[in-house]
Amino acid sequence: MLLFLFAKSRRRNAAGKAGNNMKGNYSCGLVLEGGGNRAIYTSGVLDAFIEAGIEFPYVIGVSAGSCNAVSFLGKNLRRQHDIVINYCNDKRYMSLGNLFKRKPMLNLDWIFNELSYDIMPLNQDEFEASGATLCVAVTNAYSGKAEYLYPKSMRTRGCQPLKASCALPIATKGVQIGADTYFDGGIADSIPLKKALDDGCRKAVVILTQDRDYVKHHIDQEKAVHKMLRQYPKIADALLARDKMYNAQKAYVAAEEKAGNCFVIAPAVDLGCGTMERNLTKLERIYQLGYAQGRQKAAAVKDFRAPAAKEQAAAPSEAEPENENE
């Protein structure tokens, strides 16, 4: 049952660049929290954005938020909805029985190969034509700190950046990229608004998967966490400190919203949904809630992301990041 509590160096590699600086100049970014299957709420919001013709020059996603980001940039309507609804109960997707076979409970290899490329393929041409900078947050298994990948293409099977960002501890064995192993980006940076602003976004739209009143509580099973993650003690430490990190980030988002630097979309009520929720009726309801809120907020989002006339005249055009992948 501990697993369900978790629900609640620069180097070049084939996946993109791991590092902290891809400075650009973006009028407005999009920040997507994760949350596993609960992020079907975000899928609904983004499908409404696609229908409304809303685009962003910079998108950063964490965990399931990174998957939503890719489908959004590819303009794949309902892709993430269909992946969750049609396959979250498929044993190839996730199975507790895998633990008894000493296999990962969450089958990232199948999800980011056959499912993502053969069964529910991304619109690759549209993704690449978007011209947007995509940032994917991951957590380094050896430092317990957040790192960031900037993939420009999703054509290589395996989707290493997304796979790493979605690699839940215990449910998976982590994902190796280069010389390092990575786990779920939400462990170290759950709501990466600060990263978006640091990367050059003048403001950002933030989509949360928890309601505004949500407060994350401390995991009171320290010995068990360290025992189960003895190979990665820094990940255990980060998980045990995640309540403080998350609550501080929620406060930061609220402060930036008050200052006019971000536009927040969040569930109006507690969704009552965990990371590995498999109740299809509940998941469909959550998607429809997100879709309705996305349609309701679309006009306001368009107004928010449009620069003021004075700013538009003075500001340079959207710039490529300073550090490009070669």
C-alpha atoms as a PDB file:
ATOM      1  CA  MET A   1       0.000   0.000   0.000  1.00  0.00           C
ATOM      2  CA  LEU A   2       2.994   2.291   0.375  1.00  0.00           C
ATOM      3  CA  LEU A   3       3.106   2.584  -3.392  1.00  0.00           C
ATOM      4  CA  PHE A   4      -0.188   4.401  -3.440  1.00  0.00           C
ATOM      5  CA  LEU A   5       1.126   6.987  -1.026  1.00  0.00           C
ATOM      6  CA  PHE A   6       3.592   7.949  -3.686  1.00  0.00           C
ATOM      7  CA  ALA A   7       0.604   8.503  -5.929  1.00  0.00           C
ATOM      8  CA  LYS A   8      -0.355  11.141  -3.619  1.00  0.00           C
ATOM      9  CA  SER A   9      25.833  17.712 -15.279  1.00  0.00           C
ATOM     10  CA  ARG A  10      24.916  18.608 -18.554  1.00  0.00           C
ATOM     11  CA  ARG A  11      25.352  15.935 -21.148  1.00  0.00           C
ATOM     12  CA  ARG A  12      24.148  15.293 -24.640  1.00  0.00           C
ATOM     13  CA  ASN A  13      22.191  12.183 -25.466  1.00  0.00           C
ATOM     14  CA  ALA A  14      19.640  10.879 -27.915  1.00  0.00           C
ATOM     15  CA  ALA A  15      16.806  12.118 -25.737  1.00  0.00           C
ATOM     16  CA  GLY A  16      17.810  15.752 -25.727  1.00  0.00           C
ATOM     17  CA  LYS A  17      19.839  17.866 -23.350  1.00  0.00           C
ATOM     18  CA  ALA A  18      19.889  17.443 -19.592  1.00  0.00           C
ATOM     19  CA  GLY A  19      20.724  20.688 -17.899  1.00  0.00           C
ATOM     20  CA  ASN A  20      19.260  23.824 -16.435  1.00  0.00           C
ATOM     21  CA  ASN A  21      19.615  26.523 -19.086  1.00  0.00           C
ATOM     22  CA  MET A  22      17.724  26.746 -22.369  1.00  0.00           C
ATOM     23  CA  LYS A  23      17.096  30.462 -22.156  1.00  0.00           C
ATOM     24  CA  GLY A  24      14.691  31.915 -24.682  1.00  0.00           C
ATOM     25  CA  ASN A  25      12.283  34.820 -24.984  1.00  0.00           C
ATOM     26  CA  TYR A  26       8.680  33.658 -24.868  1.00  0.00           C
ATOM     27  CA  SER A  27       5.568  35.793 -24.573  1.00  0.00           C
ATOM     28  CA  CYS A  28       3.736  33.089 -22.607  1.00  0.00           C
ATOM     29  CA  GLY A  29       4.527  29.545 -21.522  1.00  0.00           C
ATOM     30  CA  LEU A  30       2.374  26.585 -20.531  1.00  0.00           C
ATOM     31  CA  VAL A  31       3.108  24.664 -17.306  1.00  0.00           C
ATOM     32  CA  LEU A  32       1.579  21.212 -16.814  1.00  0.00           C
ATOM     33  CA  GLU A  33       1.513  19.407 -13.477  1.00  0.00           C
ATOM     34  CA  GLY A  34       1.539  15.605 -13.487  1.00  0.00           C
ATOM     35  CA  GLY A  35      -0.619  13.294 -11.419  1.00  0.00           C
ATOM     36  CA  GLY A  36      -0.737   9.989 -13.290  1.00  0.00           C
ATOM     37  CA  ASN A  37      -4.227   9.127 -14.480  1.00  0.00           C
ATOM     38  CA  ARG A  38      -5.591  12.162 -12.631  1.00  0.00           C
ATOM     39  CA  ALA A  39      -3.913  14.239 -15.365  1.00  0.00           C
ATOM     40  CA  ILE A  40      -6.775  13.227 -17.656  1.00  0.00           C
ATOM     41  CA  TYR A  41      -8.229  16.461 -16.251  1.00  0.00           C
ATOM     42  CA  THR A  42      -5.439  18.337 -18.039  1.00  0.00           C
ATOM     43  CA  SER A  43      -6.124  16.325 -21.194  1.00  0.00           C
ATOM     44  CA  GLY A  44      -9.638  17.749 -21.219  1.00  0.00           C
ATOM     45  CA  VAL A  45      -8.431  21.328 -20.743  1.00  0.00           C
ATOM     46  CA  LEU A  46      -5.865  20.974 -23.531  1.00  0.00           C
ATOM     47  CA  ASP A  47      -8.333  19.398 -25.960  1.00  0.00           C
ATOM     48  CA  ALA A  48     -10.501  22.478 -25.469  1.00  0.00           C
ATOM     49  CA  PHE A  49      -7.423  24.648 -26.131  1.00  0.00           C
ATOM     50  CA  ILE A  50      -6.690  22.769 -29.369  1.00  0.00           C
ATOM     51  CA  GLU A  51     -10.255  23.324 -30.538  1.00  0.00           C
ATOM     52  CA  ALA A  52      -9.965  27.025 -29.651  1.00  0.00           C
ATOM     53  CA  GLY A  53      -6.698  27.382 -31.586  1.00  0.00           C
ATOM     54  CA  ILE A  54      -4.664  28.262 -28.484  1.00  0.00           C
ATOM     55  CA  GLU A  55      -0.912  27.703 -28.865  1.00  0.00           C
ATOM     56  CA  PHE A  56       2.186  28.385 -26.771  1.00  0.00           C
ATOM     57  CA  PRO A  57       5.817  28.897 -27.806  1.00  0.00           C
ATOM     58  CA  TYR A  58       7.074  27.089 -24.675  1.00  0.00           C
ATOM     59  CA  VAL A  59       5.571  24.105 -22.845  1.00  0.00           C
ATOM     60  CA  ILE A  60       6.971  22.379 -19.760  1.00  0.00           C
ATOM     61  CA  GLY A  61       5.490  19.143 -18.435  1.00  0.00           C
ATOM     62  CA  VAL A  62       6.083  16.891 -15.471  1.00  0.00           C
ATOM     63  CA  SER A  63       5.326  13.165 -15.463  1.00  0.00           C
ATOM     64  CA  ALA A  64       1.892  12.667 -17.074  1.00  0.00           C
ATOM     65  CA  GLY A  65       1.992  16.384 -17.789  1.00  0.00           C
ATOM     66  CA  SER A  66       4.847  15.768 -20.227  1.00  0.00           C
ATOM     67  CA  CYS A  67       2.677  13.263 -22.120  1.00  0.00           C
ATOM     68  CA  ASN A  68      -0.131  15.799 -22.236  1.00  0.00           C
ATOM     69  CA  ALA A  69       2.345  18.382 -23.525  1.00  0.00           C
ATOM     70  CA  VAL A  70       3.433  16.198 -26.442  1.00  0.00           C
ATOM     71  CA  SER A  71      -0.125  15.336 -27.519  1.00  0.00           C
ATOM     72  CA  PHE A  72      -1.079  19.017 -27.227  1.00  0.00           C
ATOM     73  CA  LEU A  73       1.809  20.131 -29.440  1.00  0.00           C
ATOM     74  CA  GLY A  74       0.915  17.370 -31.900  1.00  0.00           C
ATOM     75  CA  LYS A  75      -2.715  18.567 -31.870  1.00  0.00           C
ATOM     76  CA  ASN A  76      -3.823  14.986 -31.225  1.00  0.00           C
ATOM     77  CA  LEU A  77      -7.362  15.550 -29.957  1.00  0.00           C
ATOM     78  CA  ARG A  78      -8.403  13.032 -27.295  1.00  0.00           C
ATOM     79  CA  ARG A  79      -5.180  11.037 -27.649  1.00  0.00           C
ATOM     80  CA  GLN A  80      -4.342  11.146 -23.936  1.00  0.00           C
ATOM     81  CA  HIS A  81      -7.997  10.596 -23.060  1.00  0.00           C
ATOM     82  CA  ASP A  82      -8.121   7.469 -25.201  1.00  0.00           C
ATOM     83  CA  ILE A  83      -4.814   6.134 -23.892  1.00  0.00           C
ATOM     84  CA  VAL A  84      -6.007   6.355 -20.290  1.00  0.00           C
ATOM     85  CA  ILE A  85      -9.618   5.267 -20.821  1.00  0.00           C
ATOM     86  CA  ASN A  86      -8.874   2.430 -23.222  1.00  0.00           C
ATOM     87  CA  TYR A  87      -5.692   1.049 -21.712  1.00  0.00           C
ATOM     88  CA  CYS A  88      -5.267   1.884 -18.014  1.00  0.00           C
ATOM     89  CA  ASN A  89      -6.901  -1.463 -17.128  1.00  0.00           C
ATOM     90  CA  ASP A  90      -4.885  -3.371 -19.718  1.00  0.00           C
ATOM     91  CA  LYS A  91      -2.361  -5.705 -18.064  1.00  0.00           C
ATOM     92  CA  ARG A  92       0.209  -4.628 -20.624  1.00  0.00           C
ATOM     93  CA  TYR A  93      -0.123  -1.093 -19.229  1.00  0.00           C
ATOM     94  CA  MET A  94      -0.041  -1.805 -15.522  1.00  0.00           C
ATOM     95  CA  SER A  95      -0.326  -4.936 -13.405  1.00  0.00           C
ATOM     96  CA  LEU A  96       0.234  -5.656  -9.727  1.00  0.00           C
ATOM     97  CA  GLY A  97       1.041  -9.190 -10.785  1.00  0.00           C
ATOM     98  CA  ASN A  98       4.244  -7.933 -12.376  1.00  0.00           C
ATOM     99  CA  LEU A  99       5.669  -7.284  -8.911  1.00  0.00           C
ATOM    100  CA  PHE A 100       5.537 -10.999  -8.140  1.00  0.00           C
ATOM    101  CA  LYS A 101       7.443 -11.652 -11.365  1.00  0.00           C
ATOM    102  CA  ARG A 102      10.084  -9.098 -10.358  1.00  0.00           C
ATOM    103  CA  LYS A 103       8.979  -6.875 -13.204  1.00  0.00           C
ATOM    104  CA  PRO A 104       7.929  -3.200 -12.981  1.00  0.00           C
ATOM    105  CA  MET A 105       4.273  -2.752 -12.117  1.00  0.00           C
ATOM    106  CA  LEU A 106       4.015   0.119 -14.609  1.00  0.00           C
ATOM    107  CA  ASN A 107       5.153  -1.151 -18.006  1.00  0.00           C
ATOM    108  CA  LEU A 108       6.845   1.917 -19.456  1.00  0.00           C
ATOM    109  CA  ASP A 109       8.487  -0.107 -22.216  1.00  0.00           C
ATOM    110  CA  TRP A 110       5.095  -1.081 -23.647  1.00  0.00           C
ATOM    111  CA  ILE A 111       3.527   2.327 -23.027  1.00  0.00           C
ATOM    112  CA  PHE A 112       6.281   4.242 -24.814  1.00  0.00           C
ATOM    113  CA  ASN A 113       6.759   1.776 -27.636  1.00  0.00           C
ATOM    114  CA  GLU A 114       3.789  -0.215 -28.930  1.00  0.00           C
ATOM    115  CA  LEU A 115       1.076   1.912 -27.340  1.00  0.00           C
ATOM    116  CA  SER A 116       2.541   5.319 -28.218  1.00  0.00           C
ATOM    117  CA  TYR A 117       3.808   4.453 -31.691  1.00  0.00           C
ATOM    118  CA  ASP A 118       1.605   1.706 -33.129  1.00  0.00           C
ATOM    119  CA  ILE A 119      -1.729   1.840 -31.326  1.00  0.00           C
ATOM    120  CA  MET A 120      -2.066   5.555 -30.466  1.00  0.00           C
ATOM    121  CA  PRO A 121       0.559   7.307 -32.609  1.00  0.00           C
ATOM    122  CA  LEU A 122       1.496  10.941 -32.185  1.00  0.00           C
ATOM    123  CA  ASN A 123       1.030  13.361 -35.055  1.00  0.00           C
ATOM    124  CA  GLN A 124       4.787  13.697 -35.520  1.00  0.00           C
ATOM    125  CA  ASP A 125       4.663  16.237 -38.346  1.00  0.00           C
ATOM    126  CA  GLU A 126       2.358  18.544 -36.387  1.00  0.00           C
ATOM    127  CA  PHE A 127       4.514  18.183 -33.263  1.00  0.00           C
ATOM    128  CA  GLU A 128       7.646  19.241 -35.120  1.00  0.00           C
ATOM    129  CA  ALA A 129       5.855  21.998 -37.048  1.00  0.00           C
ATOM    130  CA  SER A 130       4.682  23.611 -33.806  1.00  0.00           C
ATOM    131  CA  GLY A 131       8.103  25.209 -33.384  1.00  0.00           C
ATOM    132  CA  ALA A 132       7.548  25.231 -29.621  1.00  0.00           C
ATOM    133  CA  THR A 133      10.240  24.588 -27.051  1.00  0.00           C
ATOM    134  CA  LEU A 134       9.322  21.504 -25.034  1.00  0.00           C
ATOM    135  CA  CYS A 135      10.870  21.049 -21.598  1.00  0.00           C
ATOM    136  CA  VAL A 136      10.471  17.787 -19.683  1.00  0.00           C
ATOM    137  CA  ALA A 137      11.277  17.599 -15.972  1.00  0.00           C
ATOM    138  CA  VAL A 138      13.015  14.502 -14.577  1.00  0.00           C
ATOM    139  CA  THR A 139      14.593  13.626 -11.231  1.00  0.00           C
ATOM    140  CA  ASN A 140      18.177  12.385 -11.072  1.00  0.00           C
ATOM    141  CA  ALA A 141      18.275   9.119  -9.119  1.00  0.00           C
ATOM    142  CA  TYR A 142      21.686   9.848  -7.607  1.00  0.00           C
ATOM    143  CA  SER A 143      21.242  13.480  -6.603  1.00  0.00           C
ATOM    144  CA  GLY A 144      17.496  13.591  -5.989  1.00  0.00           C
ATOM    145  CA  LYS A 145      17.474  16.912  -7.864  1.00  0.00           C
ATOM    146  CA  ALA A 146      15.430  18.032 -10.854  1.00  0.00           C
ATOM    147  CA  GLU A 147      16.996  18.107 -14.295  1.00  0.00           C
ATOM    148  CA  TYR A 148      15.428  19.124 -17.581  1.00  0.00           C
ATOM    149  CA  LEU A 149      15.381  17.634 -21.059  1.00  0.00           C
ATOM    150  CA  TYR A 150      14.523  19.531 -24.244  1.00  0.00           C
ATOM    151  CA  PRO A 151      13.538  17.002 -26.934  1.00  0.00           C
ATOM    152  CA  LYS A 152      12.863  18.373 -30.408  1.00  0.00           C
ATOM    153  CA  SER A 153      11.506  15.192 -31.916  1.00  0.00           C
ATOM    154  CA  MET A 154       9.512  12.176 -30.757  1.00  0.00           C
ATOM    155  CA  ARG A 155      10.319   9.965 -33.728  1.00  0.00           C
ATOM    156  CA  THR A 156      12.740   7.713 -31.832  1.00  0.00           C
ATOM    157  CA  ARG A 157      10.786   4.846 -30.334  1.00  0.00           C
ATOM    158  CA  GLY A 158      11.004   4.648 -26.579  1.00  0.00           C
ATOM    159  CA  CYS A 159      10.460   8.348 -25.832  1.00  0.00           C
ATOM    160  CA  GLN A 160      13.234   8.358 -23.245  1.00  0.00           C
ATOM    161  CA  PRO A 161      12.494  11.867 -21.908  1.00  0.00           C
ATOM    162  CA  LEU A 162       8.803  11.092 -21.333  1.00  0.00           C
ATOM    163  CA  LYS A 163       9.556   7.630 -20.016  1.00  0.00           C
ATOM    164  CA  ALA A 164      11.984   9.074 -17.474  1.00  0.00           C
ATOM    165  CA  SER A 165       9.573  11.810 -16.415  1.00  0.00           C
ATOM    166  CA  CYS A 166       6.871   9.177 -15.783  1.00  0.00           C
ATOM    167  CA  ALA A 167       9.079   6.627 -13.988  1.00  0.00           C
ATOM    168  CA  LEU A 168       7.372   6.291 -10.602  1.00  0.00           C
ATOM    169  CA  PRO A 169       9.689   4.918  -7.896  1.00  0.00           C
ATOM    170  CA  ILE A 170       8.945   1.329  -6.887  1.00  0.00           C
ATOM    171  CA  ALA A 171       6.388   0.988  -9.695  1.00  0.00           C
ATOM    172  CA  THR A 172       9.337   1.204 -12.110  1.00  0.00           C
ATOM    173  CA  LYS A 173      13.097   0.726 -11.958  1.00  0.00           C
ATOM    174  CA  GLY A 174      13.861   4.159 -13.322  1.00  0.00           C
ATOM    175  CA  VAL A 175      15.110   5.029 -16.808  1.00  0.00           C
ATOM    176  CA  GLN A 176      18.736   5.240 -17.835  1.00  0.00           C
ATOM    177  CA  ILE A 177      19.774   8.139 -20.066  1.00  0.00           C
ATOM    178  CA  GLY A 178      23.467   8.410 -20.702  1.00  0.00           C
ATOM    179  CA  ALA A 179      25.344   7.543 -17.521  1.00  0.00           C
ATOM    180  CA  ASP A 180      22.511   8.482 -15.179  1.00  0.00           C
ATOM    181  CA  THR A 181      19.229   6.985 -14.029  1.00  0.00           C
ATOM    182  CA  TYR A 182      16.114   9.131 -13.765  1.00  0.00           C
ATOM    183  CA  PHE A 183      12.747   8.940 -12.052  1.00  0.00           C
ATOM    184  CA  ASP A 184       9.480  10.875 -12.167  1.00  0.00           C
ATOM    185  CA  GLY A 185      10.027  14.611 -12.525  1.00  0.00           C
ATOM    186  CA  GLY A 186       7.323  15.369  -9.972  1.00  0.00           C
ATOM    187  CA  ILE A 187       9.526  14.070  -7.169  1.00  0.00           C
ATOM    188  CA  ALA A 188      11.765  17.134  -7.332  1.00  0.00           C
ATOM    189  CA  ASP A 189       9.763  19.717  -9.301  1.00  0.00           C
ATOM    190  CA  SER A 190       6.021  19.108  -9.259  1.00  0.00           C
ATOM    191  CA  ILE A 191       4.824  22.467 -10.610  1.00  0.00           C
ATOM    192  CA  PRO A 192       7.710  23.938 -12.622  1.00  0.00           C
ATOM    193  CA  LEU A 193       6.454  27.506 -12.972  1.00  0.00           C
ATOM    194  CA  LYS A 194       9.747  28.946 -11.726  1.00  0.00           C
ATOM    195  CA  LYS A 195      11.624  26.913 -14.328  1.00  0.00           C
ATOM    196  CA  ALA A 196       9.372  28.293 -17.077  1.00  0.00           C
ATOM    197  CA  LEU A 197      10.017  31.868 -15.949  1.00  0.00           C
ATOM    198  CA  ASP A 198      13.748  31.173 -15.612  1.00  0.00           C
ATOM    199  CA  ASP A 199      13.757  29.777 -19.158  1.00  0.00           C
ATOM    200  CA  GLY A 200      12.514  33.130 -20.458  1.00  0.00           C
ATOM    201  CA  CYS A 201       8.713  33.022 -20.293  1.00  0.00           C
ATOM    202  CA  ARG A 202       7.384  36.471 -19.485  1.00  0.00           C
ATOM    203  CA  LYS A 203       4.266  34.838 -18.034  1.00  0.00           C
ATOM    204  CA  ALA A 204       2.642  31.413 -18.032  1.00  0.00           C
ATOM    205  CA  VAL A 205      -0.615  29.495 -17.959  1.00  0.00           C
ATOM    206  CA  VAL A 206      -0.466  26.847 -15.234  1.00  0.00           C
ATOM    207  CA  ILE A 207      -2.738  23.794 -15.240  1.00  0.00           C
ATOM    208  CA  LEU A 208      -2.927  21.993 -11.906  1.00  0.00           C
ATOM    209  CA  THR A 209      -4.435  18.569 -11.245  1.00  0.00           C
ATOM    210  CA  GLN A 210      -5.188  19.228  -7.590  1.00  0.00           C
ATOM    211  CA  ASP A 211      -7.739  21.780  -6.394  1.00  0.00           C
ATOM    212  CA  ARG A 212      -6.536  25.084  -5.018  1.00  0.00           C
ATOM    213  CA  ASP A 213      -7.148  24.064  -1.404  1.00  0.00           C
ATOM    214  CA  TYR A 214      -5.133  20.856  -1.654  1.00  0.00           C
ATOM    215  CA  VAL A 215      -2.278  20.479   0.841  1.00  0.00           C
ATOM    216  CA  LYS A 216       0.173  17.608   0.523  1.00  0.00           C
ATOM    217  CA  HIS A 217       0.837  15.735   3.756  1.00  0.00           C
ATOM    218  CA  HIS A 218       4.065  14.145   4.916  1.00  0.00           C
ATOM    219  CA  ILE A 219       4.707  10.445   4.266  1.00  0.00           C
ATOM    220  CA  ASP A 220       5.006   9.015   7.767  1.00  0.00           C
ATOM    221  CA  GLN A 221       6.794   5.812   6.771  1.00  0.00           C
ATOM    222  CA  GLU A 222      10.426   6.893   6.588  1.00  0.00           C
ATOM    223  CA  LYS A 223      12.026   3.543   7.377  1.00  0.00           C
ATOM    224  CA  ALA A 224       9.863   1.722   4.846  1.00  0.00           C
ATOM    225  CA  VAL A 225      10.575   4.318   2.135  1.00  0.00           C
ATOM    226  CA  HIS A 226      14.323   4.076   2.666  1.00  0.00           C
ATOM    227  CA  LYS A 227      14.194   0.288   2.725  1.00  0.00           C
ATOM    228  CA  MET A 228      12.241   0.061  -0.522  1.00  0.00           C
ATOM    229  CA  LEU A 229      14.510   2.610  -2.184  1.00  0.00           C
ATOM    230  CA  ARG A 230      17.797   1.600  -0.598  1.00  0.00           C
ATOM    231  CA  GLN A 231      19.474   1.604  -4.015  1.00  0.00           C
ATOM    232  CA  TYR A 232      18.499   5.269  -4.443  1.00  0.00           C
ATOM    233  CA  PRO A 233      18.638   6.977  -1.020  1.00  0.00           C
ATOM    234  CA  LYS A 234      18.442  10.467  -2.552  1.00  0.00           C
ATOM    235  CA  ILE A 235      15.125   9.567  -4.185  1.00  0.00           C
ATOM    236  CA  ALA A 236      13.873   8.370  -0.807  1.00  0.00           C
ATOM    237  CA  ASP A 237      14.963  11.662   0.758  1.00  0.00           C
ATOM    238  CA  ALA A 238      13.251  13.659  -1.992  1.00  0.00           C
ATOM    239  CA  LEU A 239      10.008  11.712  -1.577  1.00  0.00           C
ATOM    240  CA  LEU A 240      10.030  12.292   2.157  1.00  0.00           C
ATOM    241  CA  ALA A 241      10.574  16.023   1.618  1.00  0.00           C
ATOM    242  CA  ARG A 242       8.061  16.289  -1.209  1.00  0.00           C
ATOM    243  CA  ASP A 243       5.260  17.661   0.943  1.00  0.00           C
ATOM    244  CA  LYS A 244       7.326  20.744   1.804  1.00  0.00           C
ATOM    245  CA  MET A 245       8.471  21.205  -1.788  1.00  0.00           C
ATOM    246  CA  TYR A 246       4.970  20.817  -3.224  1.00  0.00           C
ATOM    247  CA  ASN A 247       3.249  23.102  -0.742  1.00  0.00           C
ATOM    248  CA  ALA A 248       5.934  25.755  -1.271  1.00  0.00           C
ATOM    249  CA  GLN A 249       5.388  25.534  -5.027  1.00  0.00           C
ATOM    250  CA  LYS A 250       1.638  25.936  -4.594  1.00  0.00           C
ATOM    251  CA  ALA A 251       2.303  29.075  -2.556  1.00  0.00           C
ATOM    252  CA  TYR A 252       4.703  30.354  -5.235  1.00  0.00           C
ATOM    253  CA  VAL A 253       2.089  29.813  -7.947  1.00  0.00           C
ATOM    254  CA  ALA A 254      -0.492  31.692  -5.884  1.00  0.00           C
ATOM    255  CA  ALA A 255       1.914  34.608  -5.378  1.00  0.00           C
ATOM    256  CA  GLU A 256       2.777  34.786  -9.085  1.00  0.00           C
ATOM    257  CA  GLU A 257      -0.909  34.630  -9.966  1.00  0.00           C
ATOM    258  CA  LYS A 258      -1.603  37.544  -7.640  1.00  0.00           C
ATOM    259  CA  ALA A 259       1.250  39.462  -9.286  1.00  0.00           C
ATOM    260  CA  GLY A 260      -0.302  38.856 -12.706  1.00  0.00           C
ATOM    261  CA  ASN A 261       2.494  36.613 -13.945  1.00  0.00           C
ATOM    262  CA  CYS A 262       0.467  33.444 -14.346  1.00  0.00           C
ATOM    263  CA  PHE A 263      -3.043  32.303 -15.156  1.00  0.00           C
ATOM    264  CA  VAL A 264      -4.071  29.246 -13.142  1.00  0.00           C
ATOM    265  CA  ILE A 265      -6.576  26.580 -14.146  1.00  0.00           C
ATOM    266  CA  ALA A 266      -7.347  24.004 -11.445  1.00  0.00           C
ATOM    267  CA  PRO A 267     -10.172  21.623 -10.573  1.00  0.00           C
ATOM    268  CA  ALA A 268     -12.938  23.469  -8.754  1.00  0.00           C
ATOM    269  CA  VAL A 269     -13.271  20.588  -6.281  1.00  0.00           C
ATOM    270  CA  ASP A 270     -11.238  17.689  -4.963  1.00  0.00           C
ATOM    271  CA  LEU A 271     -11.222  15.155  -7.816  1.00  0.00           C
ATOM    272  CA  GLY A 272     -10.999  12.225  -5.409  1.00  0.00           C
ATOM    273  CA  CYS A 273      -8.609  10.552  -7.809  1.00  0.00           C
ATOM    274  CA  GLY A 274      -5.226   8.959  -7.174  1.00  0.00           C
ATOM    275  CA  THR A 275      -2.254   8.573  -9.466  1.00  0.00           C
ATOM    276  CA  MET A 276      -3.246   5.069 -10.518  1.00  0.00           C
ATOM    277  CA  GLU A 277      -7.015   5.506 -10.629  1.00  0.00           C
ATOM    278  CA  ARG A 278      -8.647   2.860 -12.857  1.00  0.00           C
ATOM    279  CA  ASN A 279     -12.346   3.600 -12.416  1.00  0.00           C
ATOM    280  CA  LEU A 280     -13.362   4.537 -15.949  1.00  0.00           C
ATOM    281  CA  THR A 281     -16.560   6.317 -14.946  1.00  0.00           C
ATOM    282  CA  LYS A 282     -14.619   8.558 -12.585  1.00  0.00           C
ATOM    283  CA  LEU A 283     -11.857   9.178 -15.119  1.00  0.00           C
ATOM    284  CA  GLU A 284     -14.341  10.110 -17.841  1.00  0.00           C
ATOM    285  CA  ARG A 285     -16.059  12.516 -15.455  1.00  0.00           C
ATOM    286  CA  ILE A 286     -12.717  14.147 -14.652  1.00  0.00           C
ATOM    287  CA  TYR A 287     -11.870  14.514 -18.348  1.00  0.00           C
ATOM    288  CA  GLN A 288     -15.235  16.145 -19.025  1.00  0.00           C
ATOM    289  CA  LEU A 289     -14.687  18.514 -16.094  1.00  0.00           C
ATOM    290  CA  GLY A 290     -11.339  19.577 -17.543  1.00  0.00           C
ATOM    291  CA  TYR A 291     -12.794  19.933 -21.032  1.00  0.00           C
ATOM    292  CA  ALA A 292     -15.636  22.111 -19.742  1.00  0.00           C
ATOM    293  CA  GLN A 293     -13.238  24.320 -17.794  1.00  0.00           C
ATOM    294  CA  GLY A 294     -10.950  24.585 -20.820  1.00  0.00           C
ATOM    295  CA  ARG A 295     -13.819  25.801 -22.991  1.00  0.00           C
ATOM    296  CA  GLN A 296     -14.977  28.180 -20.274  1.00  0.00           C
ATOM    297  CA  LYS A 297     -11.491  29.655 -19.794  1.00  0.00           C
ATOM    298  CA  ALA A 298     -10.387  29.721 -23.453  1.00  0.00           C
ATOM    299  CA  ALA A 299     -11.247  33.353 -24.122  1.00  0.00           C
ATOM    300  CA  ALA A 300      -9.591  34.520 -20.898  1.00  0.00           C
ATOM    301  CA  VAL A 301      -6.479  32.479 -21.703  1.00  0.00           C
ATOM    302  CA  LYS A 302      -6.282  34.070 -25.156  1.00  0.00           C
ATOM    303  CA  ASP A 303      -6.505  37.516 -23.569  1.00  0.00           C
ATOM    304  CA  PHE A 304      -3.889  36.647 -20.959  1.00  0.00           C
ATOM    305  CA  ARG A 305      -1.346  35.231 -23.391  1.00  0.00           C
ATOM    306  CA  ALA A 306      -1.681  38.123 -25.852  1.00  0.00           C
ATOM    307  CA  PRO A 307       0.956  40.784 -25.073  1.00  0.00           C
ATOM    308  CA  ALA A 308      -0.262  44.296 -24.400  1.00  0.00           C
ATOM    309  CA  ALA A 309       0.041  46.670 -27.358  1.00  0.00           C
ATOM    310  CA  LYS A 310       2.980  48.559 -25.817  1.00  0.00           C
ATOM    311  CA  GLU A 311       4.779  45.319 -24.908  1.00  0.00           C
ATOM    312  CA  GLN A 312       4.146  43.863 -28.360  1.00  0.00           C
ATOM    313  CA  ALA A 313       5.715  46.872 -30.041  1.00  0.00           C
ATOM    314  CA  ALA A 314       8.786  46.824 -27.818  1.00  0.00           C
ATOM    315  CA  ALA A 315       9.396  43.104 -27.381  1.00  0.00           C
ATOM    316  CA  PRO A 316      11.528  41.044 -29.785  1.00  0.00           C
ATOM    317  CA  SER A 317       9.961  38.109 -31.596  1.00  0.00           C
ATOM    318  CA  GLU A 318       9.914  34.661 -30.008  1.00  0.00           C
ATOM    319  CA  ALA A 319      13.513  33.533 -29.827  1.00  0.00           C
ATOM    320  CA  GLU A 320      15.122  30.154 -30.093  1.00  0.00           C
ATOM    321  CA  PRO A 321      16.732  28.981 -26.839  1.00  0.00           C
ATOM    322  CA  GLU A 322      20.343  30.049 -26.369  1.00  0.00           C
ATOM    323  CA  ASN A 323      21.618  26.486 -26.073  1.00  0.00           C
ATOM    324  CA  GLU A 324      20.473  24.462 -29.040  1.00  0.00           C
ATOM    325  CA  ASN A 325      20.764  20.729 -29.432  1.00  0.00           C
ATOM    326  CA  GLU A 326      23.223  19.928 -32.165  1.00  0.00           C
END
